[in-house]
Amino acid sequence: MAKATRGEVWEVEFRPAVGSEIQKLRPAVVMNVPEVGRLPLCIVVPITEWKTTFAQFSWFVRLPPASQNGLGKESGADAFQVKSVSESRLVRKLGQITEAQTSEIASAIALCIGY
């Protein structure tokens, strides 16, 4: 499998999940930079279907569908659910988001961890 890179959108298998963790097969954005990490892991932010109530939460980044990102509907990256996952959980590459969207998600992660 090719190594996933920052800003790519992949279908990720999040099962098994515990409690309120993100679960099932769903898209996610790869956020790690290639210079960090030595294990076959990547940092991802799950993507979910956009709901208008998400606009009030600064940790959600809206991602409109586009041929480049492979998303078929209005979606949102939920930076509060950022996690490190095994590369074996990456099922299929869907596309790539823009650099601006990647930066916006990184800022949302920073907000969630108090940076």
C-alpha atoms as a PDB file:
ATOM      1  CA  MET A   1       0.000   0.000   0.000  1.00  0.00           C
ATOM      2  CA  ALA A   2       1.235   3.502  -0.803  1.00  0.00           C
ATOM      3  CA  LYS A   3       1.943   5.692   2.185  1.00  0.00           C
ATOM      4  CA  ALA A   4      -0.845   8.143   2.968  1.00  0.00           C
ATOM      5  CA  THR A   5       0.156  11.800   2.935  1.00  0.00           C
ATOM      6  CA  ARG A   6      -1.085  14.932   4.656  1.00  0.00           C
ATOM      7  CA  GLY A   7      -4.337  16.278   3.264  1.00  0.00           C
ATOM      8  CA  GLU A   8      -5.443  13.039   1.630  1.00  0.00           C
ATOM      9  CA  VAL A   9      -8.950  11.735   2.274  1.00  0.00           C
ATOM     10  CA  TRP A  10      -9.131   7.986   2.956  1.00  0.00           C
ATOM     11  CA  GLU A  11     -11.860   5.579   3.929  1.00  0.00           C
ATOM     12  CA  VAL A  12     -10.788   4.393   7.376  1.00  0.00           C
ATOM     13  CA  GLU A  13     -12.082   1.379   9.309  1.00  0.00           C
ATOM     14  CA  PHE A  14     -12.576   2.688  12.851  1.00  0.00           C
ATOM     15  CA  ARG A  15     -14.055  -0.523  14.280  1.00  0.00           C
ATOM     16  CA  PRO A  16     -13.755  -1.696  16.929  1.00  0.00           C
ATOM     17  CA  ALA A  17     -14.674   1.473  18.769  1.00  0.00           C
ATOM     18  CA  VAL A  18     -15.351   2.038  22.466  1.00  0.00           C
ATOM     19  CA  GLY A  19     -17.998   4.347  23.929  1.00  0.00           C
ATOM     20  CA  SER A  20     -18.463   7.573  21.963  1.00  0.00           C
ATOM     21  CA  GLU A  21     -15.435   7.048  19.716  1.00  0.00           C
ATOM     22  CA  ILE A  22     -15.966   7.412  15.993  1.00  0.00           C
ATOM     23  CA  GLN A  23     -16.992   4.060  14.574  1.00  0.00           C
ATOM     24  CA  LYS A  24     -17.599   2.187  11.327  1.00  0.00           C
ATOM     25  CA  LEU A  25     -16.014   2.715   7.929  1.00  0.00           C
ATOM     26  CA  ARG A  26     -15.923   6.427   7.162  1.00  0.00           C
ATOM     27  CA  PRO A  27     -13.748   9.016   5.454  1.00  0.00           C
ATOM     28  CA  ALA A  28     -10.980  10.788   7.315  1.00  0.00           C
ATOM     29  CA  VAL A  29      -8.279  13.334   6.504  1.00  0.00           C
ATOM     30  CA  VAL A  30      -4.630  12.375   7.055  1.00  0.00           C
ATOM     31  CA  MET A  31      -2.989  15.145   9.100  1.00  0.00           C
ATOM     32  CA  ASN A  32       0.502  14.029  10.122  1.00  0.00           C
ATOM     33  CA  VAL A  33       3.609  15.450   8.509  1.00  0.00           C
ATOM     34  CA  PRO A  34       5.980  12.879   6.987  1.00  0.00           C
ATOM     35  CA  GLU A  35       8.924  13.924   9.187  1.00  0.00           C
ATOM     36  CA  VAL A  36       7.218  12.793  12.396  1.00  0.00           C
ATOM     37  CA  GLY A  37       6.715   9.241  13.591  1.00  0.00           C
ATOM     38  CA  ARG A  38       8.563   5.985  13.223  1.00  0.00           C
ATOM     39  CA  LEU A  39       5.736   3.454  13.467  1.00  0.00           C
ATOM     40  CA  PRO A  40       3.302   2.490  10.658  1.00  0.00           C
ATOM     41  CA  LEU A  41       0.684   4.907  12.013  1.00  0.00           C
ATOM     42  CA  CYS A  42      -0.959   8.045  10.729  1.00  0.00           C
ATOM     43  CA  ILE A  43      -2.907  10.819  12.421  1.00  0.00           C
ATOM     44  CA  VAL A  44      -6.402  11.228  11.014  1.00  0.00           C
ATOM     45  CA  VAL A  45      -9.423  13.441  11.555  1.00  0.00           C
ATOM     46  CA  PRO A  46     -12.744  11.678  10.879  1.00  0.00           C
ATOM     47  CA  ILE A  47     -15.238  13.186   8.450  1.00  0.00           C
ATOM     48  CA  THR A  48     -18.971  13.045   9.014  1.00  0.00           C
ATOM     49  CA  GLU A  49     -22.060  14.287   7.181  1.00  0.00           C
ATOM     50  CA  TRP A  50     -22.454  18.043   7.707  1.00  0.00           C
ATOM     51  CA  LYS A  51     -25.259  19.270   9.940  1.00  0.00           C
ATOM     52  CA  THR A  52     -26.080  22.969  10.239  1.00  0.00           C
ATOM     53  CA  THR A  53     -25.574  22.820  14.011  1.00  0.00           C
ATOM     54  CA  PHE A  54     -21.874  22.041  13.428  1.00  0.00           C
ATOM     55  CA  ALA A  55     -21.317  25.634  12.253  1.00  0.00           C
ATOM     56  CA  GLN A  56     -21.429  26.784  15.898  1.00  0.00           C
ATOM     57  CA  PHE A  57     -18.532  24.486  16.860  1.00  0.00           C
ATOM     58  CA  SER A  58     -15.065  25.838  16.075  1.00  0.00           C
ATOM     59  CA  TRP A  59     -13.557  22.334  15.971  1.00  0.00           C
ATOM     60  CA  PHE A  60     -15.646  21.332  12.932  1.00  0.00           C
ATOM     61  CA  VAL A  61     -14.304  22.237   9.495  1.00  0.00           C
ATOM     62  CA  ARG A  62     -16.809  22.206   6.665  1.00  0.00           C
ATOM     63  CA  LEU A  63     -15.750  20.253   3.583  1.00  0.00           C
ATOM     64  CA  PRO A  64     -17.964  20.684   0.519  1.00  0.00           C
ATOM     65  CA  PRO A  65     -18.070  17.789  -1.951  1.00  0.00           C
ATOM     66  CA  ALA A  66     -15.628  18.092  -4.849  1.00  0.00           C
ATOM     67  CA  SER A  67     -14.186  15.756  -7.451  1.00  0.00           C
ATOM     68  CA  GLN A  68     -10.716  16.361  -5.949  1.00  0.00           C
ATOM     69  CA  ASN A  69     -11.634  15.273  -2.392  1.00  0.00           C
ATOM     70  CA  GLY A  70     -13.861  12.336  -3.322  1.00  0.00           C
ATOM     71  CA  LEU A  71     -16.634  13.389  -0.935  1.00  0.00           C
ATOM     72  CA  GLY A  72     -20.149  12.899  -2.272  1.00  0.00           C
ATOM     73  CA  LYS A  73     -21.988  15.197   0.139  1.00  0.00           C
ATOM     74  CA  GLU A  74     -21.525  18.200   2.427  1.00  0.00           C
ATOM     75  CA  SER A  75     -19.224  16.974   5.162  1.00  0.00           C
ATOM     76  CA  GLY A  76     -17.339  18.140   8.225  1.00  0.00           C
ATOM     77  CA  ALA A  77     -13.987  17.163   9.690  1.00  0.00           C
ATOM     78  CA  ASP A  78     -14.390  16.695  13.459  1.00  0.00           C
ATOM     79  CA  ALA A  79     -11.039  17.804  14.918  1.00  0.00           C
ATOM     80  CA  PHE A  80     -12.107  16.793  18.431  1.00  0.00           C
ATOM     81  CA  GLN A  81     -11.961  13.158  17.304  1.00  0.00           C
ATOM     82  CA  VAL A  82      -8.391  13.315  15.966  1.00  0.00           C
ATOM     83  CA  LYS A  83      -6.599  10.001  16.455  1.00  0.00           C
ATOM     84  CA  SER A  84      -3.566   7.999  15.515  1.00  0.00           C
ATOM     85  CA  VAL A  85      -4.445   4.798  13.659  1.00  0.00           C
ATOM     86  CA  SER A  86      -2.592   1.908  12.090  1.00  0.00           C
ATOM     87  CA  GLU A  87      -1.962   2.328   8.373  1.00  0.00           C
ATOM     88  CA  SER A  88      -3.730  -1.037   7.983  1.00  0.00           C
ATOM     89  CA  ARG A  89      -7.008   0.738   8.889  1.00  0.00           C
ATOM     90  CA  LEU A  90      -6.760   2.821   5.705  1.00  0.00           C
ATOM     91  CA  VAL A  91      -8.982   1.062   3.190  1.00  0.00           C
ATOM     92  CA  ARG A  92      -9.142   3.244   0.073  1.00  0.00           C
ATOM     93  CA  LYS A  93      -7.929   6.674  -0.978  1.00  0.00           C
ATOM     94  CA  LEU A  94     -10.808   8.969  -1.969  1.00  0.00           C
ATOM     95  CA  GLY A  95      -8.984  12.182  -2.845  1.00  0.00           C
ATOM     96  CA  GLN A  96      -7.223  15.250  -1.485  1.00  0.00           C
ATOM     97  CA  ILE A  97      -8.457  18.395   0.277  1.00  0.00           C
ATOM     98  CA  THR A  98      -6.912  21.817  -0.345  1.00  0.00           C
ATOM     99  CA  GLU A  99      -3.934  23.190   1.572  1.00  0.00           C
ATOM    100  CA  ALA A 100      -6.220  25.852   3.049  1.00  0.00           C
ATOM    101  CA  GLN A 101      -8.636  23.189   4.333  1.00  0.00           C
ATOM    102  CA  THR A 102      -5.738  21.163   5.751  1.00  0.00           C
ATOM    103  CA  SER A 103      -4.460  24.254   7.586  1.00  0.00           C
ATOM    104  CA  GLU A 104      -7.948  24.989   8.901  1.00  0.00           C
ATOM    105  CA  ILE A 105      -8.209  21.447  10.307  1.00  0.00           C
ATOM    106  CA  ALA A 106      -4.737  21.780  11.881  1.00  0.00           C
ATOM    107  CA  SER A 107      -5.878  25.012  13.555  1.00  0.00           C
ATOM    108  CA  ALA A 108      -9.013  23.272  14.833  1.00  0.00           C
ATOM    109  CA  ILE A 109      -6.850  20.490  16.319  1.00  0.00           C
ATOM    110  CA  ALA A 110      -4.670  23.127  17.996  1.00  0.00           C
ATOM    111  CA  LEU A 111      -7.799  24.724  19.488  1.00  0.00           C
ATOM    112  CA  CYS A 112      -8.931  21.340  20.872  1.00  0.00           C
ATOM    113  CA  ILE A 113      -5.622  20.767  22.673  1.00  0.00           C
ATOM    114  CA  GLY A 114      -5.315  24.324  23.964  1.00  0.00           C
ATOM    115  CA  TYR A 115      -2.459  25.406  21.722  1.00  0.00           C
END
